[in-house]
Amino acid sequence: MVLKGIARIVGDCIRMTCESTKVSPHEIRQHVSIGVSSFPEPSDAANLITDADKCLYQAKKNGRNQVVVSR
């Protein structure tokens, strides 16, 4: 559970860095949605990716520009 909390913090740092980075000479707003999954559940790489992908789409469904961590 601690690692998932750390993953959320790192994901939020990435998200906020992208959001605050300006693309010169234009002001282009950037937003990032992030899905996070971790071992030992799910138990293999394919399920890990699938789980993270589900979290990513949940972040988008929830309004974008956020981090969703699997349970």
C-alpha atoms as a PDB file:
ATOM      1  CA  MET A   1       0.000   0.000   0.000  1.00  0.00           C
ATOM      2  CA  VAL A   2       2.898   2.348   0.731  1.00  0.00           C
ATOM      3  CA  LEU A   3       4.293   1.827  -2.782  1.00  0.00           C
ATOM      4  CA  LYS A   4       0.957   2.756  -4.332  1.00  0.00           C
ATOM      5  CA  GLY A   5       0.969   5.960  -2.296  1.00  0.00           C
ATOM      6  CA  ILE A   6       4.461   6.731  -3.548  1.00  0.00           C
ATOM      7  CA  ALA A   7       3.374   5.901  -7.114  1.00  0.00           C
ATOM      8  CA  ARG A   8       0.509   8.398  -6.785  1.00  0.00           C
ATOM      9  CA  ILE A   9       2.914  11.095  -5.539  1.00  0.00           C
ATOM     10  CA  VAL A  10       5.344  10.452  -8.414  1.00  0.00           C
ATOM     11  CA  GLY A  11       2.455  10.411 -10.910  1.00  0.00           C
ATOM     12  CA  ASP A  12       1.143  13.710  -9.551  1.00  0.00           C
ATOM     13  CA  CYS A  13       4.638  15.242  -9.795  1.00  0.00           C
ATOM     14  CA  ILE A  14       4.837  14.180 -13.448  1.00  0.00           C
ATOM     15  CA  ARG A  15       1.326  15.502 -14.088  1.00  0.00           C
ATOM     16  CA  MET A  16       2.010  18.875 -12.443  1.00  0.00           C
ATOM     17  CA  THR A  17       5.365  19.257 -14.223  1.00  0.00           C
ATOM     18  CA  CYS A  18       3.719  18.673 -17.601  1.00  0.00           C
ATOM     19  CA  GLU A  19       0.906  21.054 -16.708  1.00  0.00           C
ATOM     20  CA  SER A  20       3.279  23.851 -15.702  1.00  0.00           C
ATOM     21  CA  THR A  21       5.671  23.445 -18.661  1.00  0.00           C
ATOM     22  CA  LYS A  22       5.060  26.074 -21.314  1.00  0.00           C
ATOM     23  CA  VAL A  23       5.640  25.350 -24.982  1.00  0.00           C
ATOM     24  CA  SER A  24       7.215  28.489 -26.478  1.00  0.00           C
ATOM     25  CA  PRO A  25       6.354  30.721 -28.250  1.00  0.00           C
ATOM     26  CA  HIS A  26       2.735  29.653 -27.756  1.00  0.00           C
ATOM     27  CA  GLU A  27       0.948  28.939 -24.534  1.00  0.00           C
ATOM     28  CA  ILE A  28      -0.285  25.416 -25.041  1.00  0.00           C
ATOM     29  CA  ARG A  29      -2.020  23.798 -22.097  1.00  0.00           C
ATOM     30  CA  GLN A  30      -0.834  20.275 -21.420  1.00  0.00           C
ATOM     31  CA  HIS A  31      -2.642  17.766 -19.257  1.00  0.00           C
ATOM     32  CA  VAL A  32      -1.670  14.221 -18.378  1.00  0.00           C
ATOM     33  CA  SER A  33      -3.788  11.285 -17.282  1.00  0.00           C
ATOM     34  CA  ILE A  34      -1.870   8.445 -15.631  1.00  0.00           C
ATOM     35  CA  GLY A  35      -2.889   4.894 -14.735  1.00  0.00           C
ATOM     36  CA  VAL A  36      -0.791   2.974 -12.196  1.00  0.00           C
ATOM     37  CA  SER A  37      -0.671  -0.726 -11.388  1.00  0.00           C
ATOM     38  CA  SER A  38       1.864  -2.739  -9.401  1.00  0.00           C
ATOM     39  CA  PHE A  39       3.032  -6.247  -8.545  1.00  0.00           C
ATOM     40  CA  PRO A  40       2.277  -8.672  -6.863  1.00  0.00           C
ATOM     41  CA  GLU A  41      -1.294  -8.211  -8.115  1.00  0.00           C
ATOM     42  CA  PRO A  42      -1.780  -8.634 -11.024  1.00  0.00           C
ATOM     43  CA  SER A  43       0.629 -11.521 -11.205  1.00  0.00           C
ATOM     44  CA  ASP A  44       2.052 -11.200 -14.737  1.00  0.00           C
ATOM     45  CA  ALA A  45       3.188  -8.477 -17.120  1.00  0.00           C
ATOM     46  CA  ALA A  46       0.194  -8.705 -19.479  1.00  0.00           C
ATOM     47  CA  ASN A  47      -2.286  -8.295 -16.609  1.00  0.00           C
ATOM     48  CA  LEU A  48      -0.160  -5.515 -15.108  1.00  0.00           C
ATOM     49  CA  ILE A  49      -0.403  -3.544 -18.353  1.00  0.00           C
ATOM     50  CA  THR A  50      -4.126  -4.273 -18.690  1.00  0.00           C
ATOM     51  CA  ASP A  51      -4.729  -3.097 -15.121  1.00  0.00           C
ATOM     52  CA  ALA A  52      -2.737   0.121 -15.651  1.00  0.00           C
ATOM     53  CA  ASP A  53      -4.638   0.734 -18.904  1.00  0.00           C
ATOM     54  CA  LYS A  54      -7.970   0.386 -17.078  1.00  0.00           C
ATOM     55  CA  CYS A  55      -6.750   2.930 -14.513  1.00  0.00           C
ATOM     56  CA  LEU A  56      -5.713   5.293 -17.312  1.00  0.00           C
ATOM     57  CA  TYR A  57      -9.154   5.146 -18.915  1.00  0.00           C
ATOM     58  CA  GLN A  58     -10.767   5.657 -15.497  1.00  0.00           C
ATOM     59  CA  ALA A  59      -8.652   8.802 -15.080  1.00  0.00           C
ATOM     60  CA  LYS A  60      -9.887  10.050 -18.440  1.00  0.00           C
ATOM     61  CA  LYS A  61     -13.483   9.149 -17.585  1.00  0.00           C
ATOM     62  CA  ASN A  62     -13.172  11.027 -14.272  1.00  0.00           C
ATOM     63  CA  GLY A  63     -12.310  14.251 -16.097  1.00  0.00           C
ATOM     64  CA  ARG A  64      -8.674  13.822 -17.176  1.00  0.00           C
ATOM     65  CA  ASN A  65      -5.520  15.407 -15.757  1.00  0.00           C
ATOM     66  CA  GLN A  66      -5.250  13.018 -12.812  1.00  0.00           C
ATOM     67  CA  VAL A  67      -3.620   9.860 -11.503  1.00  0.00           C
ATOM     68  CA  VAL A  68      -5.623   6.688 -10.826  1.00  0.00           C
ATOM     69  CA  VAL A  69      -3.914   3.884  -8.893  1.00  0.00           C
ATOM     70  CA  SER A  70      -5.228   0.310  -8.957  1.00  0.00           C
ATOM     71  CA  ARG A  71      -6.575  -1.129  -5.729  1.00  0.00           C
END
